[in-house]
Amino acid sequence: MSIKSWFRGFSAMVIALFLSFMFCNLPAHAFVATDYQKLLITNACNNCDLSGADLSYKDLYGSALNGANLSHANLAGALLNDAKLRGANLSQANLSEGILMGIDLSRADLTEANLSKADLYNALLSSANLTKANLSSSTLDSSVATDANFSNAIVTETTLKSIILSRANLSNADFSNSKMRNSRLMSSNLKGAKFGGADLSNSVMPDSTTYNGDVTKFGASN
């Protein structure tokens, strides 16, 4: 072997060892950026850590984010039609004005999330936690929210026509001036909820009777 060939091989080995050492010693937070890029490139990042990420106005149509950590993330105005976020953590996330039609948020944590003016038509919210969430002026027509928790949520001037809220916890939530025609509230908890100015025409109440203009017998206020 010539000295030139030996030196070339030795140099390649040194570079390889250096790169290996560098990548093995990257700080843990470097993987957050990798998850962010993975999502933008592949439109999928199940179980990823995207907490605090800025995804505002991004096209995430049909994205797969099941089990992802998106707490405190900015998703304002994002396109999330048909996206899958089952079991995702979206606590205190900003989803205001987002396009979320057909999104799957079953078992998702949306505690104190901002969903104001978001379009959640035909969304799946079964067993989702929306405690203290802001859903004012949003659209949830034809959505399914069985066993969901809306306690202390702000749902004022919201459109919820034909929504299914069976066994949902609506305690202390504010549904004032909302459109709730044909909604299904079977076995749901309405204690302390506010329905002043809300349209509940043809809705099925917690006791499976049709709405008669009075919600006080369920512990709510008109």
Protein backbone atom coordinates (compact mmCIF):
# COMPACT_ATOMS: atom_id res chain seq x y z
CA MET A 1 0.00 0.00 0.00
CA SER A 2 1.38 3.45 -0.93
CA ILE A 3 1.81 6.16 1.70
CA LYS A 4 -0.72 8.29 -0.16
CA SER A 5 -3.41 5.55 -0.04
CA TRP A 6 -2.69 4.83 3.63
CA PHE A 7 -3.01 8.51 4.54
CA ARG A 8 -6.31 8.83 2.62
CA GLY A 9 -7.77 5.83 4.47
CA PHE A 10 -6.56 7.12 7.83
CA SER A 11 -8.12 10.54 7.19
CA ALA A 12 -11.50 8.99 6.32
CA MET A 13 -11.43 6.96 9.53
CA VAL A 14 -10.68 10.05 11.63
CA ILE A 15 -13.55 11.98 10.02
CA ALA A 16 -15.95 9.07 10.60
CA LEU A 17 -14.98 8.85 14.25
CA PHE A 18 -15.39 12.59 14.69
CA LEU A 19 -18.86 12.63 13.15
CA SER A 20 -19.89 9.63 15.23
CA PHE A 21 -18.76 11.38 18.40
CA MET A 22 -20.52 14.61 17.45
CA PHE A 23 -23.93 13.00 16.76
CA CYS A 24 -23.76 10.83 19.87
CA ASN A 25 -23.28 13.91 22.01
CA LEU A 26 -26.04 16.13 20.60
CA PRO A 27 -28.21 17.71 23.33
CA ALA A 28 -31.60 16.09 23.89
CA HIS A 29 -33.51 19.15 22.64
CA ALA A 30 -31.97 18.74 19.17
CA PHE A 31 -34.44 15.93 18.52
CA VAL A 32 -37.35 18.40 18.78
CA ALA A 33 -36.17 20.14 15.62
CA THR A 34 -35.83 16.74 13.96
CA ASP A 35 -39.45 15.91 14.82
CA TYR A 36 -40.54 19.28 13.42
CA GLN A 37 -38.76 18.66 10.14
CA LYS A 38 -40.04 15.10 10.00
CA LEU A 39 -43.62 16.37 10.21
CA LEU A 40 -43.15 18.97 7.49
CA ILE A 41 -41.43 16.51 5.17
CA THR A 42 -43.47 13.34 5.71
CA ASN A 43 -46.74 14.77 7.13
CA ALA A 44 -46.49 12.17 9.91
CA CYS A 45 -44.94 12.28 13.36
CA ASN A 46 -46.79 9.97 15.73
CA ASN A 47 -45.70 10.24 19.38
CA CYS A 48 -43.35 13.11 18.52
CA ASP A 49 -42.41 15.98 20.83
CA LEU A 50 -43.64 19.17 19.17
CA SER A 51 -44.41 21.07 22.34
CA GLY A 52 -44.28 24.82 21.78
CA ALA A 53 -43.73 24.39 18.03
CA ASP A 54 -44.89 27.12 15.64
CA LEU A 55 -47.09 25.39 13.05
CA SER A 56 -49.36 28.33 12.42
CA TYR A 57 -50.99 28.35 8.97
CA LYS A 58 -49.14 25.17 7.95
CA ASP A 59 -50.75 22.72 5.52
CA LEU A 60 -51.06 19.56 7.64
CA TYR A 61 -53.99 18.05 5.75
CA GLY A 62 -54.41 14.38 6.68
CA SER A 63 -51.33 14.41 8.92
CA ALA A 64 -50.68 11.60 11.40
CA LEU A 65 -49.93 12.95 14.88
CA ASN A 66 -51.38 10.28 17.13
CA GLY A 67 -49.99 10.54 20.67
CA ALA A 68 -47.89 13.58 19.80
CA ASN A 69 -47.03 16.24 22.38
CA LEU A 70 -48.29 19.55 20.99
CA SER A 71 -48.82 21.31 24.29
CA HIS A 72 -48.46 25.11 23.96
CA ALA A 73 -47.98 24.68 20.20
CA ASN A 74 -49.16 27.42 17.83
CA LEU A 75 -51.50 25.88 15.25
CA ALA A 76 -53.50 29.02 14.56
CA GLY A 77 -55.01 28.95 11.07
CA ALA A 78 -53.47 25.53 10.33
CA LEU A 79 -55.09 23.20 7.80
CA LEU A 80 -55.75 19.93 9.65
CA ASN A 81 -58.61 18.43 7.69
CA ASP A 82 -58.82 14.64 8.28
CA ALA A 83 -55.73 14.75 10.51
CA LYS A 84 -55.26 11.99 13.10
CA LEU A 85 -54.42 13.22 16.60
CA ARG A 86 -55.79 10.41 18.76
CA GLY A 87 -54.49 10.73 22.31
CA ALA A 88 -52.42 13.81 21.43
CA ASN A 89 -51.51 16.40 24.06
CA LEU A 90 -52.81 19.78 22.91
CA SER A 91 -53.15 21.39 26.31
CA GLN A 92 -52.96 25.20 26.04
CA ALA A 93 -52.33 24.91 22.30
CA ASN A 94 -53.55 27.64 19.95
CA LEU A 95 -55.85 26.22 17.25
CA SER A 96 -57.83 29.39 16.67
CA GLU A 97 -59.24 29.81 13.16
CA GLY A 98 -57.89 26.37 12.26
CA ILE A 99 -59.54 24.28 9.55
CA LEU A 100 -60.11 20.99 11.36
CA MET A 101 -62.94 19.35 9.44
CA GLY A 102 -63.04 15.58 9.94
CA ILE A 103 -60.14 15.68 12.41
CA ASP A 104 -59.77 12.80 14.87
CA LEU A 105 -59.15 14.19 18.37
CA SER A 106 -60.51 11.23 20.30
CA ARG A 107 -58.93 10.93 23.76
CA ALA A 108 -56.90 14.08 23.07
CA ASP A 109 -56.01 16.48 25.89
CA LEU A 110 -57.28 19.94 24.89
CA THR A 111 -57.27 21.45 28.37
CA GLU A 112 -57.33 25.26 28.10
CA ALA A 113 -56.77 25.04 24.35
CA ASN A 114 -57.83 27.96 22.15
CA LEU A 115 -60.23 26.70 19.46
CA SER A 116 -62.06 29.96 18.90
CA LYS A 117 -63.38 30.42 15.34
CA ALA A 118 -62.06 26.97 14.38
CA ASP A 119 -63.97 24.78 11.91
CA LEU A 120 -64.47 21.34 13.50
CA TYR A 121 -67.26 20.12 11.23
CA ASN A 122 -67.66 16.33 11.49
CA ALA A 123 -64.79 16.11 14.00
CA LEU A 124 -64.30 13.13 16.29
CA LEU A 125 -63.91 14.26 19.91
CA SER A 126 -64.91 11.11 21.77
CA SER A 127 -63.41 11.02 25.29
CA ALA A 128 -61.46 14.23 24.58
CA ASN A 129 -60.65 16.54 27.50
CA LEU A 130 -61.76 20.10 26.70
CA THR A 131 -61.75 21.42 30.26
CA LYS A 132 -61.61 25.25 30.20
CA ALA A 133 -61.11 25.22 26.42
CA ASN A 134 -62.18 28.25 24.38
CA LEU A 135 -64.55 27.19 21.59
CA SER A 136 -66.28 30.52 21.11
CA SER A 137 -67.59 31.22 17.60
CA SER A 138 -66.34 27.83 16.38
CA THR A 139 -68.21 25.26 14.28
CA LEU A 140 -68.82 21.72 15.53
CA ASP A 141 -71.76 20.70 13.35
CA SER A 142 -72.21 16.90 13.03
CA SER A 143 -69.29 16.25 15.38
CA VAL A 144 -69.14 13.27 17.74
CA ALA A 145 -68.13 14.09 21.30
CA THR A 146 -69.42 11.15 23.33
CA ASP A 147 -67.87 10.90 26.81
CA ALA A 148 -66.01 14.18 26.20
CA ASN A 149 -65.26 16.62 29.03
CA PHE A 150 -66.35 20.22 28.36
CA SER A 151 -66.39 21.31 32.00
CA ASN A 152 -65.89 25.08 32.39
CA ALA A 153 -65.40 25.45 28.63
CA ILE A 154 -66.37 28.62 26.76
CA VAL A 155 -68.71 27.58 23.95
CA THR A 156 -70.50 30.87 23.34
CA GLU A 157 -71.96 31.81 19.93
CA THR A 158 -70.84 28.43 18.65
CA THR A 159 -72.54 26.28 16.03
CA LEU A 160 -73.13 22.72 17.27
CA LYS A 161 -76.03 21.53 15.12
CA SER A 162 -76.54 17.74 15.18
CA ILE A 163 -73.57 17.23 17.51
CA ILE A 164 -73.54 14.04 19.60
CA LEU A 165 -72.76 14.78 23.25
CA SER A 166 -73.94 11.55 24.85
CA ARG A 167 -72.52 11.03 28.35
CA ALA A 168 -70.48 14.22 27.99
CA ASN A 169 -69.54 16.37 30.97
CA LEU A 170 -70.86 19.86 30.24
CA SER A 171 -70.80 21.07 33.84
CA ASN A 172 -70.28 24.82 34.25
CA ALA A 173 -69.69 25.26 30.51
CA ASP A 174 -71.08 28.38 28.83
CA PHE A 175 -73.18 27.65 25.73
CA SER A 176 -74.83 31.07 25.63
CA ASN A 177 -76.21 32.11 22.22
CA SER A 178 -75.06 28.89 20.57
CA LYS A 179 -76.89 27.04 17.80
CA MET A 180 -77.54 23.50 19.03
CA ARG A 181 -80.49 22.28 16.96
CA ASN A 182 -80.85 18.50 16.77
CA SER A 183 -78.03 17.91 19.24
CA ARG A 184 -77.89 14.71 21.28
CA LEU A 185 -77.34 15.15 25.01
CA MET A 186 -78.40 11.76 26.32
CA SER A 187 -77.03 11.01 29.82
CA SER A 188 -74.84 14.12 29.71
CA ASN A 189 -74.05 16.26 32.77
CA LEU A 190 -75.49 19.78 32.46
CA LYS A 191 -75.03 20.88 36.07
CA GLY A 192 -74.13 24.57 36.21
CA ALA A 193 -74.07 24.93 32.40
CA LYS A 194 -75.40 28.13 30.83
CA PHE A 195 -77.73 28.02 27.82
CA GLY A 196 -79.02 31.59 27.71
CA GLY A 197 -80.07 32.45 24.15
CA ALA A 198 -79.05 29.00 22.88
CA ASP A 199 -81.20 27.24 20.26
CA LEU A 200 -81.80 23.64 21.39
CA SER A 201 -84.77 22.95 19.12
CA ASN A 202 -85.40 19.22 18.53
CA SER A 203 -82.47 18.29 20.76
CA VAL A 204 -82.57 15.13 22.88
CA MET A 205 -81.95 15.96 26.53
CA PRO A 206 -80.12 13.95 29.25
CA ASP A 207 -83.30 12.06 30.16
CA SER A 208 -83.90 11.18 26.48
CA THR A 209 -86.85 13.60 26.19
CA THR A 210 -87.06 16.27 23.50
CA TYR A 211 -86.12 19.81 24.54
CA ASN A 212 -89.16 21.72 25.81
CA GLY A 213 -87.59 25.12 26.43
CA ASP A 214 -86.39 24.44 29.97
CA VAL A 215 -82.99 23.14 31.07
CA THR A 216 -83.25 24.02 34.74
CA LYS A 217 -84.41 20.53 35.74
CA PHE A 218 -81.00 19.27 34.62
CA GLY A 219 -79.20 21.76 36.86
CA ALA A 220 -78.46 24.19 34.01
CA SER A 221 -79.67 27.75 33.46
CA ASN A 222 -81.59 29.21 30.52
